């Protein structure tokens, strides 16, 4: 092999001391090969600088080496762009975790945005045609047809969060109800006795669970009524909801807000109304995302380990692609209270 030539399978075979056919089997994973031979071939690939031809390999493996990452936004109008997918810390952290977890496998994400039923149908058809080996589904819609559509297309899929409607698809989620309970326990431990809540959109299972955990724990602590206003996971909705709570319940001394972005808006509203945080009103958010650290004061929050959850989504999907006979499964992460200055 000359210094300026492109390495070939024959070059790898010569360095590894095996046949060209054996190198092909190892690279394309079409048959079982002894571990020591696989290792010799991998070393030879590194030594020669050989890069497999993806188009040729896909003809053998019938795989595209691409993963569809389908994002459906959480905006009130159901429009992905209006919900600021590309600036929202929730979506940003998940996408960063997915890309980082796919990179070591030399698999490329194909980002697809589902704004309406037409988009969903096009995405299902795209996957059914084999343009991607599987899909990672990220949605906070109260109604989500994608898991069922992808399952009908015969492609493996893993969803972030439990689907609102039952579907034969694996998912990764957080114990959101326990997270709400953590917030209530912490606020109660501070001696707060007039709690309130700003929930996420209550058609979304995660928002329902966080709210239920918070309210149930306060009920066990002897507070059967906790005033609440529904938000939509945006800064503005948190600010408006806090103002509404202060009008109806001016003596509130603690508030649990179902996302850090909304909590940042709530803290702003409290400052505008002359309320000190945490002296007058203690605030606990949810997610442990950048708004909780950028707020003044920094916000105590319930951590959702989105990067680790993204990595688990990738792991489950790659396992299912490698073995389509695997049954759908679920992995539930535990929340953790992160102490800062707001409570």
Protein backbone atom coordinates (compact mmCIF):
# COMPACT_ATOMS: atom_id res chain seq x y z
CA UNK A 1 0.00 0.00 0.00
CA UNK A 2 1.50 3.29 -1.05
CA UNK A 3 1.53 6.31 1.23
CA UNK A 4 -1.14 8.14 -0.80
CA UNK A 5 -3.43 5.20 -1.64
CA UNK A 6 -6.75 4.43 0.02
CA UNK A 7 -6.58 1.37 2.32
CA UNK A 8 -8.59 -1.64 1.10
CA UNK A 9 -10.02 -4.83 2.56
CA UNK A 10 -7.01 -6.65 1.11
CA UNK A 11 -4.66 -4.37 3.06
CA UNK A 12 -6.55 -5.09 6.29
CA UNK A 13 -6.52 -8.83 5.57
CA UNK A 14 -2.78 -8.85 4.94
CA UNK A 15 -2.01 -6.98 8.19
CA UNK A 16 -4.41 -9.15 10.21
CA UNK A 17 -3.17 -12.37 8.64
CA UNK A 18 -6.64 -13.54 7.62
CA UNK A 19 -8.64 -13.81 4.42
CA UNK A 20 -10.48 -10.94 2.77
CA UNK A 21 -13.76 -12.79 3.40
CA UNK A 22 -13.02 -12.96 7.13
CA UNK A 23 -12.36 -9.22 7.27
CA UNK A 24 -15.67 -8.61 5.48
CA UNK A 25 -17.55 -10.81 7.96
CA UNK A 26 -16.06 -8.96 10.94
CA UNK A 27 -16.71 -5.48 9.55
CA UNK A 28 -20.24 -6.26 8.38
CA UNK A 29 -21.10 -8.45 11.39
CA UNK A 30 -22.76 -10.99 9.10
CA UNK A 31 -21.46 -14.13 10.84
CA UNK A 32 -19.91 -15.16 14.13
CA UNK A 33 -16.13 -14.90 14.13
CA UNK A 34 -13.81 -15.98 16.95
CA UNK A 35 -13.11 -13.09 19.36
CA UNK A 36 -9.35 -13.25 18.85
CA UNK A 37 -9.78 -12.95 15.08
CA UNK A 38 -12.19 -10.04 15.52
CA UNK A 39 -9.59 -8.28 17.66
CA UNK A 40 -6.86 -8.90 15.06
CA UNK A 41 -9.05 -7.42 12.35
CA UNK A 42 -9.93 -4.37 14.48
CA UNK A 43 -6.24 -3.74 15.14
CA UNK A 44 -5.51 -4.05 11.44
CA UNK A 45 -8.29 -1.57 10.61
CA UNK A 46 -6.70 0.96 12.96
CA UNK A 47 -3.20 0.24 11.67
CA UNK A 48 -4.16 0.67 8.01
CA UNK A 49 -6.63 3.51 8.48
CA UNK A 50 -9.28 1.58 6.57
CA UNK A 51 -12.74 3.21 6.43
CA UNK A 52 -15.63 0.93 5.40
CA UNK A 53 -17.75 2.02 2.46
CA UNK A 54 -21.12 2.67 4.05
CA UNK A 55 -23.10 2.27 0.86
CA UNK A 56 -21.52 -1.09 0.10
CA UNK A 57 -21.87 -2.27 3.68
CA UNK A 58 -25.57 -1.36 3.78
CA UNK A 59 -26.18 -3.69 0.84
CA UNK A 60 -24.77 -6.55 2.92
CA UNK A 61 -26.17 -5.70 6.36
CA UNK A 62 -29.44 -4.12 5.13
CA UNK A 63 -28.82 -1.32 7.61
CA UNK A 64 -28.56 2.39 6.97
CA UNK A 65 -26.34 3.19 9.99
CA UNK A 66 -28.70 6.10 10.64
CA UNK A 67 -31.12 6.70 13.49
CA UNK A 68 -34.20 8.89 13.22
CA UNK A 69 -34.55 11.38 16.07
CA UNK A 70 -38.15 12.54 15.99
CA UNK A 71 -39.01 15.68 17.95
CA UNK A 72 -42.55 16.86 18.61
CA UNK A 73 -42.70 20.20 20.44
CA UNK A 74 -44.61 21.26 23.52
CA UNK A 75 -45.95 24.60 22.33
CA UNK A 76 -49.60 25.42 23.06
CA UNK A 77 -50.35 25.46 19.34
CA UNK A 78 -48.55 22.18 18.78
CA UNK A 79 -45.96 23.86 16.57
CA UNK A 80 -42.39 22.69 17.01
CA UNK A 81 -40.81 26.00 16.10
CA UNK A 82 -43.17 28.05 18.26
CA UNK A 83 -42.14 25.89 21.22
CA UNK A 84 -38.49 26.86 20.65
CA UNK A 85 -37.17 23.32 20.38
CA UNK A 86 -33.70 24.50 19.48
CA UNK A 87 -33.40 26.86 22.45
CA UNK A 88 -35.38 25.00 25.12
CA UNK A 89 -32.88 23.48 27.60
CA UNK A 90 -34.93 20.28 27.90
CA UNK A 91 -34.73 19.42 24.20
CA UNK A 92 -31.17 20.71 23.91
CA UNK A 93 -29.88 18.46 26.70
CA UNK A 94 -31.64 15.41 25.30
CA UNK A 95 -30.36 15.95 21.77
CA UNK A 96 -26.83 16.56 23.04
CA UNK A 97 -26.97 13.32 25.02
CA UNK A 98 -28.28 11.36 22.04
CA UNK A 99 -25.64 12.66 19.63
CA UNK A 100 -22.87 12.00 22.13
CA UNK A 101 -24.07 8.44 22.73
CA UNK A 102 -24.39 7.64 19.01
CA UNK A 103 -20.99 9.03 18.03
CA UNK A 104 -18.87 6.10 19.36
CA UNK A 105 -20.97 3.73 17.20
CA UNK A 106 -20.37 5.80 14.03
CA UNK A 107 -24.14 6.19 13.70
CA UNK A 108 -25.64 9.42 12.48
CA UNK A 109 -28.89 10.99 13.75
CA UNK A 110 -31.44 12.20 11.22
CA UNK A 111 -33.44 14.94 12.95
CA UNK A 112 -37.12 14.96 12.02
CA UNK A 113 -39.70 17.45 13.28
CA UNK A 114 -43.30 16.35 13.74
CA UNK A 115 -45.60 19.36 13.79
CA UNK A 116 -48.83 17.74 12.61
CA UNK A 117 -50.44 14.49 11.43
CA UNK A 118 -49.05 14.95 7.92
CA UNK A 119 -45.51 15.10 9.31
CA UNK A 120 -46.15 12.00 11.40
CA UNK A 121 -47.34 10.04 8.36
CA UNK A 122 -44.30 11.14 6.33
CA UNK A 123 -41.93 10.13 9.14
CA UNK A 124 -43.57 6.70 9.48
CA UNK A 125 -43.23 6.18 5.71
CA UNK A 126 -39.59 7.32 5.78
CA UNK A 127 -38.79 4.78 8.48
CA UNK A 128 -40.76 2.01 6.79
CA UNK A 129 -38.71 2.50 3.62
CA UNK A 130 -35.56 1.65 5.59
CA UNK A 131 -33.98 5.11 5.55
CA UNK A 132 -33.20 4.68 9.25
CA UNK A 133 -32.63 1.56 11.32
CA UNK A 134 -34.82 2.80 14.16
CA UNK A 135 -36.15 5.91 15.88
CA UNK A 136 -35.78 7.83 19.11
CA UNK A 137 -39.02 9.65 19.88
CA UNK A 138 -39.04 12.87 21.93
CA UNK A 139 -42.44 14.38 22.55
CA UNK A 140 -44.34 16.20 25.27
CA UNK A 141 -47.65 16.16 23.40
CA UNK A 142 -50.69 15.03 25.36
CA UNK A 143 -51.69 12.96 22.33
CA UNK A 144 -48.87 11.18 20.51
CA UNK A 145 -49.59 8.88 17.57
CA UNK A 146 -45.95 8.36 16.66
CA UNK A 147 -45.14 5.33 18.86
CA UNK A 148 -47.99 3.34 17.31
CA UNK A 149 -47.16 4.55 13.79
CA UNK A 150 -43.49 3.60 14.13
CA UNK A 151 -44.43 0.21 15.55
CA UNK A 152 -46.77 -0.35 12.58
CA UNK A 153 -43.88 0.60 10.25
CA UNK A 154 -41.94 -2.34 11.68
CA UNK A 155 -39.04 -0.25 12.96
CA UNK A 156 -37.54 -0.40 16.47
CA UNK A 157 -38.20 2.69 18.54
CA UNK A 158 -37.55 4.05 22.01
CA UNK A 159 -39.54 6.95 23.41
CA UNK A 160 -38.57 9.51 26.00
CA UNK A 161 -41.24 9.19 28.70
CA UNK A 162 -44.17 6.84 28.94
CA UNK A 163 -46.47 7.20 25.92
CA UNK A 164 -49.78 8.93 26.72
CA UNK A 165 -51.57 6.07 24.92
CA UNK A 166 -50.48 2.41 25.25
CA UNK A 167 -48.09 1.35 22.47
CA UNK A 168 -45.66 -1.58 22.01
CA UNK A 169 -42.57 0.61 22.31
CA UNK A 170 -39.72 0.80 24.84
CA UNK A 171 -39.37 3.98 26.84
CA UNK A 172 -37.08 5.72 29.32
CA UNK A 173 -38.66 7.88 31.99
CA UNK A 174 -38.20 9.51 35.38
CA UNK A 175 -40.12 8.67 38.56
CA UNK A 176 -41.87 12.04 38.25
CA UNK A 177 -44.35 11.42 41.07
CA UNK A 178 -41.44 10.84 43.46
CA UNK A 179 -39.90 14.09 42.25
CA UNK A 180 -43.01 16.04 43.20
CA UNK A 181 -42.99 14.40 46.62
CA UNK A 182 -39.33 15.38 47.10
CA UNK A 183 -40.24 19.01 46.47
CA UNK A 184 -43.09 18.92 49.01
CA UNK A 185 -40.95 17.22 51.66
CA UNK A 186 -38.21 19.81 51.27
CA UNK A 187 -40.56 22.80 51.45
CA UNK A 188 -42.29 21.31 54.49
CA UNK A 189 -38.91 20.77 56.16
CA UNK A 190 -38.28 24.51 55.84
CA UNK A 191 -41.42 25.20 57.88
CA UNK A 192 -43.51 26.42 54.94
CA UNK A 193 -47.25 25.98 55.52
CA UNK A 194 -48.95 27.83 52.64
CA UNK A 195 -47.77 25.92 49.56
CA UNK A 196 -48.78 26.45 45.94
CA UNK A 197 -47.88 24.87 42.61
CA UNK A 198 -47.31 25.77 38.97
CA UNK A 199 -47.84 22.62 36.95
CA UNK A 200 -46.91 21.74 33.41
CA UNK A 201 -49.69 21.06 30.86
CA UNK A 202 -51.82 18.49 32.66
CA UNK A 203 -52.55 16.51 29.51
CA UNK A 204 -48.89 15.42 29.58
CA UNK A 205 -48.22 12.35 31.79
CA UNK A 206 -44.99 13.77 33.27
CA UNK A 207 -46.76 16.97 34.33
CA UNK A 208 -49.63 14.96 35.82
CA UNK A 209 -47.23 12.79 37.82
CA UNK A 210 -45.17 15.67 39.20
CA UNK A 211 -48.31 17.48 40.29
CA UNK A 212 -49.87 14.37 41.81
CA UNK A 213 -46.74 13.54 43.80
CA UNK A 214 -46.58 17.07 45.18
CA UNK A 215 -50.26 17.30 46.10
CA UNK A 216 -50.40 13.79 47.57
CA UNK A 217 -47.44 14.48 49.83
CA UNK A 218 -48.93 17.75 51.09
CA UNK A 219 -52.22 15.92 51.77
CA UNK A 220 -50.28 13.43 53.91
CA UNK A 221 -48.76 16.40 55.72
CA UNK A 222 -52.19 17.81 56.56
CA UNK A 223 -52.60 20.27 53.69
CA UNK A 224 -55.55 18.96 51.66
CA UNK A 225 -55.81 22.07 49.45
CA UNK A 226 -52.86 23.45 47.51
CA UNK A 227 -53.68 26.21 44.99
CA UNK A 228 -52.28 25.54 41.54
CA UNK A 229 -52.06 27.20 38.14
CA UNK A 230 -51.29 25.33 34.93
CA UNK A 231 -48.36 26.42 32.77
CA UNK A 232 -46.88 25.06 29.54
CA UNK A 233 -43.18 24.64 30.37
CA UNK A 234 -42.22 28.12 29.07
CA UNK A 235 -40.70 31.09 30.91
CA UNK A 236 -43.69 33.32 30.16
CA UNK A 237 -46.20 30.78 31.44
CA UNK A 238 -44.30 30.48 34.71
CA UNK A 239 -44.25 34.25 35.14
CA UNK A 240 -47.96 34.61 34.38
CA UNK A 241 -48.93 31.68 36.59
CA UNK A 242 -47.02 33.11 39.56
CA UNK A 243 -48.75 36.46 39.15
CA UNK A 244 -52.11 34.70 39.10
CA UNK A 245 -51.26 32.78 42.28
CA UNK A 246 -50.24 35.99 44.06
CA UNK A 247 -53.54 37.65 43.17
CA UNK A 248 -55.65 34.76 44.45
CA UNK A 249 -53.37 33.66 47.30
CA UNK A 250 -51.18 36.56 48.40
CA UNK A 251 -50.03 34.72 51.54
CA UNK A 252 -48.34 31.86 49.66
CA UNK A 253 -44.92 31.06 51.16
CA UNK A 254 -43.76 28.14 48.97
CA UNK A 255 -44.20 27.12 45.35
CA UNK A 256 -43.23 24.04 43.39
CA UNK A 257 -42.78 24.76 39.67
CA UNK A 258 -42.78 21.79 37.27
CA UNK A 259 -39.83 23.00 35.15
CA UNK A 260 -36.81 25.22 35.76
CA UNK A 261 -37.69 27.48 32.84
CA UNK A 262 -41.10 28.18 34.38
CA UNK A 263 -39.48 28.55 37.81
CA UNK A 264 -37.18 31.26 36.44
CA UNK A 265 -40.27 33.12 35.23
CA UNK A 266 -41.94 32.62 38.61
CA UNK A 267 -38.95 34.09 40.46
CA UNK A 268 -39.06 37.11 38.16
CA UNK A 269 -42.75 37.63 38.96
CA UNK A 270 -42.07 37.35 42.69
CA UNK A 271 -39.37 40.01 42.45
CA UNK A 272 -41.75 42.28 40.52
CA UNK A 273 -44.30 41.94 43.35
CA UNK A 274 -41.75 42.76 46.04
CA UNK A 275 -41.49 39.20 47.36
CA UNK A 276 -38.08 38.00 48.47
CA UNK A 277 -36.86 34.54 47.44
CA UNK A 278 -36.49 32.51 49.59
CA UNK A 279 -37.25 34.68 52.62
CA UNK A 280 -40.90 35.35 51.69
CA UNK A 281 -41.51 32.60 49.14
CA UNK A 282 -39.39 29.48 48.71
CA UNK A 283 -39.21 28.15 45.14
CA UNK A 284 -38.38 24.62 43.94
CA UNK A 285 -38.07 23.87 40.22
CA UNK A 286 -37.68 20.70 38.19
CA UNK A 287 -35.04 19.41 35.73
CA UNK A 288 -31.73 20.86 37.02
CA UNK A 289 -31.23 22.68 33.72
CA UNK A 290 -29.40 25.92 32.97
CA UNK A 291 -32.24 28.30 34.03
CA UNK A 292 -31.97 26.97 37.59
CA UNK A 293 -28.31 28.05 37.71
CA UNK A 294 -28.75 31.33 35.85
CA UNK A 295 -31.67 32.57 37.95
CA UNK A 296 -31.07 35.03 40.78
CA UNK A 297 -31.11 33.49 43.26
CA UNK A 298 -30.14 30.09 41.80
CA UNK A 299 -33.08 27.72 42.05
CA UNK A 300 -33.30 24.59 44.18
CA UNK A 301 -34.57 21.92 41.82
CA UNK A 302 -35.42 18.27 41.29
CA UNK A 303 -32.78 16.79 39.01
CA UNK A 304 -33.80 14.91 35.88
CA UNK A 305 -30.59 13.31 34.46
CA UNK A 306 -31.46 13.94 30.81
CA UNK A 307 -28.02 13.14 29.40
CA UNK A 308 -27.94 9.75 31.13
CA UNK A 309 -31.52 9.08 30.06
CA UNK A 310 -30.60 9.89 26.45
CA UNK A 311 -27.72 7.43 26.65
CA UNK A 312 -30.08 4.74 27.92
CA UNK A 313 -32.47 5.42 25.05
CA UNK A 314 -29.63 4.88 22.58
CA UNK A 315 -28.53 1.69 24.33
CA UNK A 316 -32.03 0.20 24.26
CA UNK A 317 -32.53 1.11 20.61
CA UNK A 318 -29.21 -0.36 19.46
CA UNK A 319 -29.96 -3.56 21.36
CA UNK A 320 -33.34 -3.85 19.67
CA UNK A 321 -31.83 -3.17 16.23
CA UNK A 322 -29.26 -5.91 16.82
CA UNK A 323 -31.94 -8.33 18.07
CA UNK A 324 -35.45 -7.51 16.75
CA UNK A 325 -36.90 -10.35 18.84
CA UNK A 326 -36.40 -8.38 22.07
CA UNK A 327 -39.61 -7.37 23.80
CA UNK A 328 -40.32 -3.69 24.58
CA UNK A 329 -39.03 -2.63 27.97
CA UNK A 330 -38.95 0.41 30.25
CA UNK A 331 -36.21 2.02 32.34
CA UNK A 332 -37.17 4.44 35.11
CA UNK A 333 -34.60 6.85 36.57
CA UNK A 334 -34.80 8.25 40.11
CA UNK A 335 -35.07 12.00 40.80
CA UNK A 336 -32.71 13.84 43.13
CA UNK A 337 -33.09 17.11 44.98
CA UNK A 338 -30.38 19.66 44.11
CA UNK A 339 -30.01 22.32 46.77
CA UNK A 340 -29.41 25.93 45.73
CA UNK A 341 -30.49 29.27 47.19
CA UNK A 342 -34.20 29.63 46.34
CA UNK A 343 -35.39 27.12 48.97
